Amino acid sequence: MAHFAHVTQENNVCSVIVIEQDVLDAHNGWRCPNCGVHATRWVQTSYDTVHGVHTKGGTPLRKNFAGIGFTYDTARDAFIPHKPYASWVLDEDACDWKAPKKEPTITDPNKTYKWNEALQDFEKIHSIRCACGTCMFDDTKLFCVKLAEIESTNPQN
């Protein structure tokens, strides 16, 4: 099985599905689960490709694993994420957005940095590590997706 992204006429990724290439070929496309149309433009994407590097040492495919809202750049043959801030610039090698300033090194485990577009700089914010051990809570993240998923599948709730 492989991952394929439905790419619209505007080169936007509408959905990503797991399907075999021969199934797509046999049906001349597949129904997109997000928009509902019988889509014929499906572009393969690799779950193991991030910023132009294959995480398991293989050959990277299209710079990034496609995500809903990404753009498929046909000239670069790459999936590019949504630009997070107007001031950020595209890193051509990684096909990812970079701040105009380098992010400071984190020296305090209870602090992190986030970009402030108005100041055109990173600002230090207080953060707390989540009980799941992965997430960092700050003023923009109010809940843990990992724990919320566990709780939502718990029949006792």
C-alpha atoms as a PDB file:
ATOM      1  CA  MET A   1       0.000   0.000   0.000  1.00  0.00           C
ATOM      2  CA  ALA A   2       1.115   3.540  -0.685  1.00  0.00           C
ATOM      3  CA  HIS A   3       0.009   7.050   0.255  1.00  0.00           C
ATOM      4  CA  PHE A   4      -1.505   9.248  -2.441  1.00  0.00           C
ATOM      5  CA  ALA A   5      -2.597  12.876  -2.244  1.00  0.00           C
ATOM      6  CA  HIS A   6      -5.604  14.202  -4.142  1.00  0.00           C
ATOM      7  CA  VAL A   7      -4.236  17.332  -5.809  1.00  0.00           C
ATOM      8  CA  THR A   8      -6.829  19.806  -7.092  1.00  0.00           C
ATOM      9  CA  GLN A   9      -6.592  21.882 -10.288  1.00  0.00           C
ATOM     10  CA  GLU A  10      -5.228  24.705  -8.097  1.00  0.00           C
ATOM     11  CA  ASN A  11      -2.445  22.328  -6.904  1.00  0.00           C
ATOM     12  CA  ASN A  12      -3.824  22.151  -3.356  1.00  0.00           C
ATOM     13  CA  VAL A  13      -3.860  18.888  -1.421  1.00  0.00           C
ATOM     14  CA  CYS A  14      -7.472  17.997  -0.588  1.00  0.00           C
ATOM     15  CA  SER A  15      -6.863  14.617   1.071  1.00  0.00           C
ATOM     16  CA  VAL A  16      -4.327  11.843   1.528  1.00  0.00           C
ATOM     17  CA  ILE A  17      -5.332   8.181   1.309  1.00  0.00           C
ATOM     18  CA  VAL A  18      -3.648   4.781   1.460  1.00  0.00           C
ATOM     19  CA  ILE A  19      -4.298   2.811  -1.728  1.00  0.00           C
ATOM     20  CA  GLU A  20      -2.479   0.735  -4.330  1.00  0.00           C
ATOM     21  CA  GLN A  21      -1.418   2.372  -7.600  1.00  0.00           C
ATOM     22  CA  ASP A  22      -3.062  -0.401  -9.634  1.00  0.00           C
ATOM     23  CA  VAL A  23      -6.416   0.240  -7.912  1.00  0.00           C
ATOM     24  CA  LEU A  24      -6.223   3.925  -8.846  1.00  0.00           C
ATOM     25  CA  ASP A  25      -5.306   2.949 -12.405  1.00  0.00           C
ATOM     26  CA  ALA A  26      -8.083   0.356 -12.687  1.00  0.00           C
ATOM     27  CA  HIS A  27     -10.757   2.838 -11.574  1.00  0.00           C
ATOM     28  CA  ASN A  28      -9.279   5.860 -13.379  1.00  0.00           C
ATOM     29  CA  GLY A  29      -8.943   7.615 -10.030  1.00  0.00           C
ATOM     30  CA  TRP A  30     -10.833   7.373  -6.759  1.00  0.00           C
ATOM     31  CA  ARG A  31     -13.515   9.248  -4.830  1.00  0.00           C
ATOM     32  CA  CYS A  32     -11.920  11.894  -2.636  1.00  0.00           C
ATOM     33  CA  PRO A  33     -13.112  11.416   0.956  1.00  0.00           C
ATOM     34  CA  ASN A  34     -12.967  15.179   1.671  1.00  0.00           C
ATOM     35  CA  CYS A  35     -14.562  16.820  -1.353  1.00  0.00           C
ATOM     36  CA  GLY A  36     -16.567  13.850  -2.623  1.00  0.00           C
ATOM     37  CA  VAL A  37     -15.550  14.120  -6.283  1.00  0.00           C
ATOM     38  CA  HIS A  38     -14.174  11.271  -8.352  1.00  0.00           C
ATOM     39  CA  ALA A  39     -10.614  12.564  -8.468  1.00  0.00           C
ATOM     40  CA  THR A  40      -8.242  11.479 -11.204  1.00  0.00           C
ATOM     41  CA  ARG A  41      -5.170  13.410 -10.056  1.00  0.00           C
ATOM     42  CA  TRP A  42      -3.531  11.464  -7.254  1.00  0.00           C
ATOM     43  CA  VAL A  43       0.154  12.078  -6.538  1.00  0.00           C
ATOM     44  CA  GLN A  44       2.163   9.580  -4.514  1.00  0.00           C
ATOM     45  CA  THR A  45       3.672  10.848  -1.272  1.00  0.00           C
ATOM     46  CA  SER A  46       6.012   9.210   1.239  1.00  0.00           C
ATOM     47  CA  TYR A  47       5.152   9.099   4.932  1.00  0.00           C
ATOM     48  CA  ASP A  48       8.885   8.835   5.627  1.00  0.00           C
ATOM     49  CA  THR A  49       9.918  12.005   3.743  1.00  0.00           C
ATOM     50  CA  VAL A  50      10.351  15.201   5.762  1.00  0.00           C
ATOM     51  CA  HIS A  51      12.162  18.371   4.630  1.00  0.00           C
ATOM     52  CA  GLY A  52      13.726  16.562   1.680  1.00  0.00           C
ATOM     53  CA  VAL A  53      15.152  13.722   3.775  1.00  0.00           C
ATOM     54  CA  HIS A  54      13.929  10.131   3.988  1.00  0.00           C
ATOM     55  CA  THR A  55      13.791   9.350   7.727  1.00  0.00           C
ATOM     56  CA  LYS A  56      14.727   5.688   7.188  1.00  0.00           C
ATOM     57  CA  GLY A  57      17.641   6.336   4.853  1.00  0.00           C
ATOM     58  CA  GLY A  58      15.764   5.675   1.620  1.00  0.00           C
ATOM     59  CA  THR A  59      15.188   7.976  -1.314  1.00  0.00           C
ATOM     60  CA  PRO A  60      13.084  11.032  -0.401  1.00  0.00           C
ATOM     61  CA  LEU A  61       9.910  11.534  -2.424  1.00  0.00           C
ATOM     62  CA  ARG A  62       8.553  15.030  -3.143  1.00  0.00           C
ATOM     63  CA  LYS A  63      10.373  16.735  -0.233  1.00  0.00           C
ATOM     64  CA  ASN A  64       7.543  16.303   2.342  1.00  0.00           C
ATOM     65  CA  PHE A  65       4.734  13.917   3.177  1.00  0.00           C
ATOM     66  CA  ALA A  66       1.643  15.645   1.786  1.00  0.00           C
ATOM     67  CA  GLY A  67      -0.883  17.116   4.182  1.00  0.00           C
ATOM     68  CA  ILE A  68      -4.306  18.648   3.692  1.00  0.00           C
ATOM     69  CA  GLY A  69      -3.784  22.273   2.722  1.00  0.00           C
ATOM     70  CA  PHE A  70      -0.278  21.710   1.350  1.00  0.00           C
ATOM     71  CA  THR A  71       0.549  22.885  -2.165  1.00  0.00           C
ATOM     72  CA  TYR A  72       1.923  20.562  -4.799  1.00  0.00           C
ATOM     73  CA  ASP A  73       4.587  22.490  -6.690  1.00  0.00           C
ATOM     74  CA  THR A  74       4.872  20.822 -10.097  1.00  0.00           C
ATOM     75  CA  ALA A  75       8.118  22.613 -11.020  1.00  0.00           C
ATOM     76  CA  ARG A  76       9.849  21.365  -7.851  1.00  0.00           C
ATOM     77  CA  ASP A  77       7.864  18.093  -7.779  1.00  0.00           C
ATOM     78  CA  ALA A  78       7.373  18.798  -4.077  1.00  0.00           C
ATOM     79  CA  PHE A  79       4.668  19.117  -1.439  1.00  0.00           C
ATOM     80  CA  ILE A  80       5.014  22.423   0.410  1.00  0.00           C
ATOM     81  CA  PRO A  81       3.203  23.171   3.683  1.00  0.00           C
ATOM     82  CA  HIS A  82       1.083  26.263   4.232  1.00  0.00           C
ATOM     83  CA  LYS A  83       3.149  29.403   4.827  1.00  0.00           C
ATOM     84  CA  PRO A  84       2.770  30.099   8.577  1.00  0.00           C
ATOM     85  CA  TYR A  85       3.732  33.798   8.514  1.00  0.00           C
ATOM     86  CA  ALA A  86       4.012  36.408   5.765  1.00  0.00           C
ATOM     87  CA  SER A  87       7.665  37.129   6.603  1.00  0.00           C
ATOM     88  CA  TRP A  88       8.863  33.524   6.380  1.00  0.00           C
ATOM     89  CA  VAL A  89      10.788  32.403   3.295  1.00  0.00           C
ATOM     90  CA  LEU A  90      10.882  29.092   1.477  1.00  0.00           C
ATOM     91  CA  ASP A  91      13.920  26.906   2.074  1.00  0.00           C
ATOM     92  CA  GLU A  92      14.411  25.556  -1.456  1.00  0.00           C
ATOM     93  CA  ASP A  93      16.262  22.421  -0.354  1.00  0.00           C
ATOM     94  CA  ALA A  94      13.772  21.340   2.296  1.00  0.00           C
ATOM     95  CA  CYS A  95      10.668  22.906   0.698  1.00  0.00           C
ATOM     96  CA  ASP A  96       9.650  24.198   4.109  1.00  0.00           C
ATOM     97  CA  TRP A  97       9.202  27.697   5.522  1.00  0.00           C
ATOM     98  CA  LYS A  98      11.891  29.318   7.634  1.00  0.00           C
ATOM     99  CA  ALA A  99      11.739  32.393   9.837  1.00  0.00           C
ATOM    100  CA  PRO A 100      13.841  35.350   8.751  1.00  0.00           C
ATOM    101  CA  LYS A 101      15.797  34.911  12.004  1.00  0.00           C
ATOM    102  CA  LYS A 102      17.249  31.756  13.489  1.00  0.00           C
ATOM    103  CA  GLU A 103      15.301  30.361  16.436  1.00  0.00           C
ATOM    104  CA  PRO A 104      17.221  30.682  19.728  1.00  0.00           C
ATOM    105  CA  THR A 105      18.533  27.568  21.426  1.00  0.00           C
ATOM    106  CA  ILE A 106      16.285  26.333  24.228  1.00  0.00           C
ATOM    107  CA  THR A 107      18.237  26.251  27.475  1.00  0.00           C
ATOM    108  CA  ASP A 108      15.359  26.050  29.977  1.00  0.00           C
ATOM    109  CA  PRO A 109      13.074  22.985  29.681  1.00  0.00           C
ATOM    110  CA  ASN A 110      10.123  25.066  30.925  1.00  0.00           C
ATOM    111  CA  LYS A 111      10.544  27.721  28.245  1.00  0.00           C
ATOM    112  CA  THR A 112      10.095  27.620  24.498  1.00  0.00           C
ATOM    113  CA  TYR A 113      10.046  30.147  21.698  1.00  0.00           C
ATOM    114  CA  LYS A 114       7.343  31.143  19.273  1.00  0.00           C
ATOM    115  CA  TRP A 115       7.454  33.529  16.362  1.00  0.00           C
ATOM    116  CA  ASN A 116       5.953  36.977  16.846  1.00  0.00           C
ATOM    117  CA  GLU A 117       5.157  38.388  13.405  1.00  0.00           C
ATOM    118  CA  ALA A 118       4.603  41.923  14.702  1.00  0.00           C
ATOM    119  CA  LEU A 119       8.043  42.013  16.347  1.00  0.00           C
ATOM    120  CA  GLN A 120       9.697  39.999  13.571  1.00  0.00           C
ATOM    121  CA  ASP A 121      11.442  37.956  16.217  1.00  0.00           C
ATOM    122  CA  PHE A 122      11.106  34.909  18.433  1.00  0.00           C
ATOM    123  CA  GLU A 123       9.807  35.487  21.929  1.00  0.00           C
ATOM    124  CA  LYS A 124      10.298  33.259  24.934  1.00  0.00           C
ATOM    125  CA  ILE A 125       7.122  31.816  26.414  1.00  0.00           C
ATOM    126  CA  HIS A 126       6.482  29.655  29.453  1.00  0.00           C
ATOM    127  CA  SER A 127       5.553  26.085  28.667  1.00  0.00           C
ATOM    128  CA  ILE A 128       4.781  22.947  30.647  1.00  0.00           C
ATOM    129  CA  ARG A 129       5.439  19.398  29.474  1.00  0.00           C
ATOM    130  CA  CYS A 130       2.259  17.362  29.070  1.00  0.00           C
ATOM    131  CA  ALA A 131       1.537  14.145  30.978  1.00  0.00           C
ATOM    132  CA  CYS A 132       1.774  12.236  27.673  1.00  0.00           C
ATOM    133  CA  GLY A 133       5.472  13.162  27.586  1.00  0.00           C
ATOM    134  CA  THR A 134       5.332  14.597  24.077  1.00  0.00           C
ATOM    135  CA  CYS A 135       3.314  17.815  24.055  1.00  0.00           C
ATOM    136  CA  MET A 136       4.366  21.180  25.391  1.00  0.00           C
ATOM    137  CA  PHE A 137       1.540  23.396  26.643  1.00  0.00           C
ATOM    138  CA  ASP A 138       1.698  27.137  26.179  1.00  0.00           C
ATOM    139  CA  ASP A 139      -0.740  29.982  25.687  1.00  0.00           C
ATOM    140  CA  THR A 140      -1.744  28.632  22.241  1.00  0.00           C
ATOM    141  CA  LYS A 141      -2.209  24.932  23.054  1.00  0.00           C
ATOM    142  CA  LEU A 142      -4.983  24.180  25.489  1.00  0.00           C
ATOM    143  CA  PHE A 143      -5.249  20.402  25.365  1.00  0.00           C
ATOM    144  CA  CYS A 144      -3.278  17.288  24.494  1.00  0.00           C
ATOM    145  CA  VAL A 145      -4.468  15.645  21.300  1.00  0.00           C
ATOM    146  CA  LYS A 146      -2.868  12.333  22.262  1.00  0.00           C
ATOM    147  CA  LEU A 147      -4.661  12.161  25.625  1.00  0.00           C
ATOM    148  CA  ALA A 148      -7.893  13.525  24.123  1.00  0.00           C
ATOM    149  CA  GLU A 149      -7.835  10.656  21.616  1.00  0.00           C
ATOM    150  CA  ILE A 150      -7.291   8.137  24.420  1.00  0.00           C
ATOM    151  CA  GLU A 151     -10.135   9.648  26.435  1.00  0.00           C
ATOM    152  CA  SER A 152     -12.502   9.760  23.457  1.00  0.00           C
ATOM    153  CA  THR A 153     -12.060   6.008  22.871  1.00  0.00           C
ATOM    154  CA  ASN A 154     -12.579   5.173  26.553  1.00  0.00           C
ATOM    155  CA  PRO A 155     -16.142   3.770  26.958  1.00  0.00           C
ATOM    156  CA  GLN A 156     -16.276   4.927  30.606  1.00  0.00           C
ATOM    157  CA  ASN A 157     -16.387   8.629  29.575  1.00  0.00           C
END
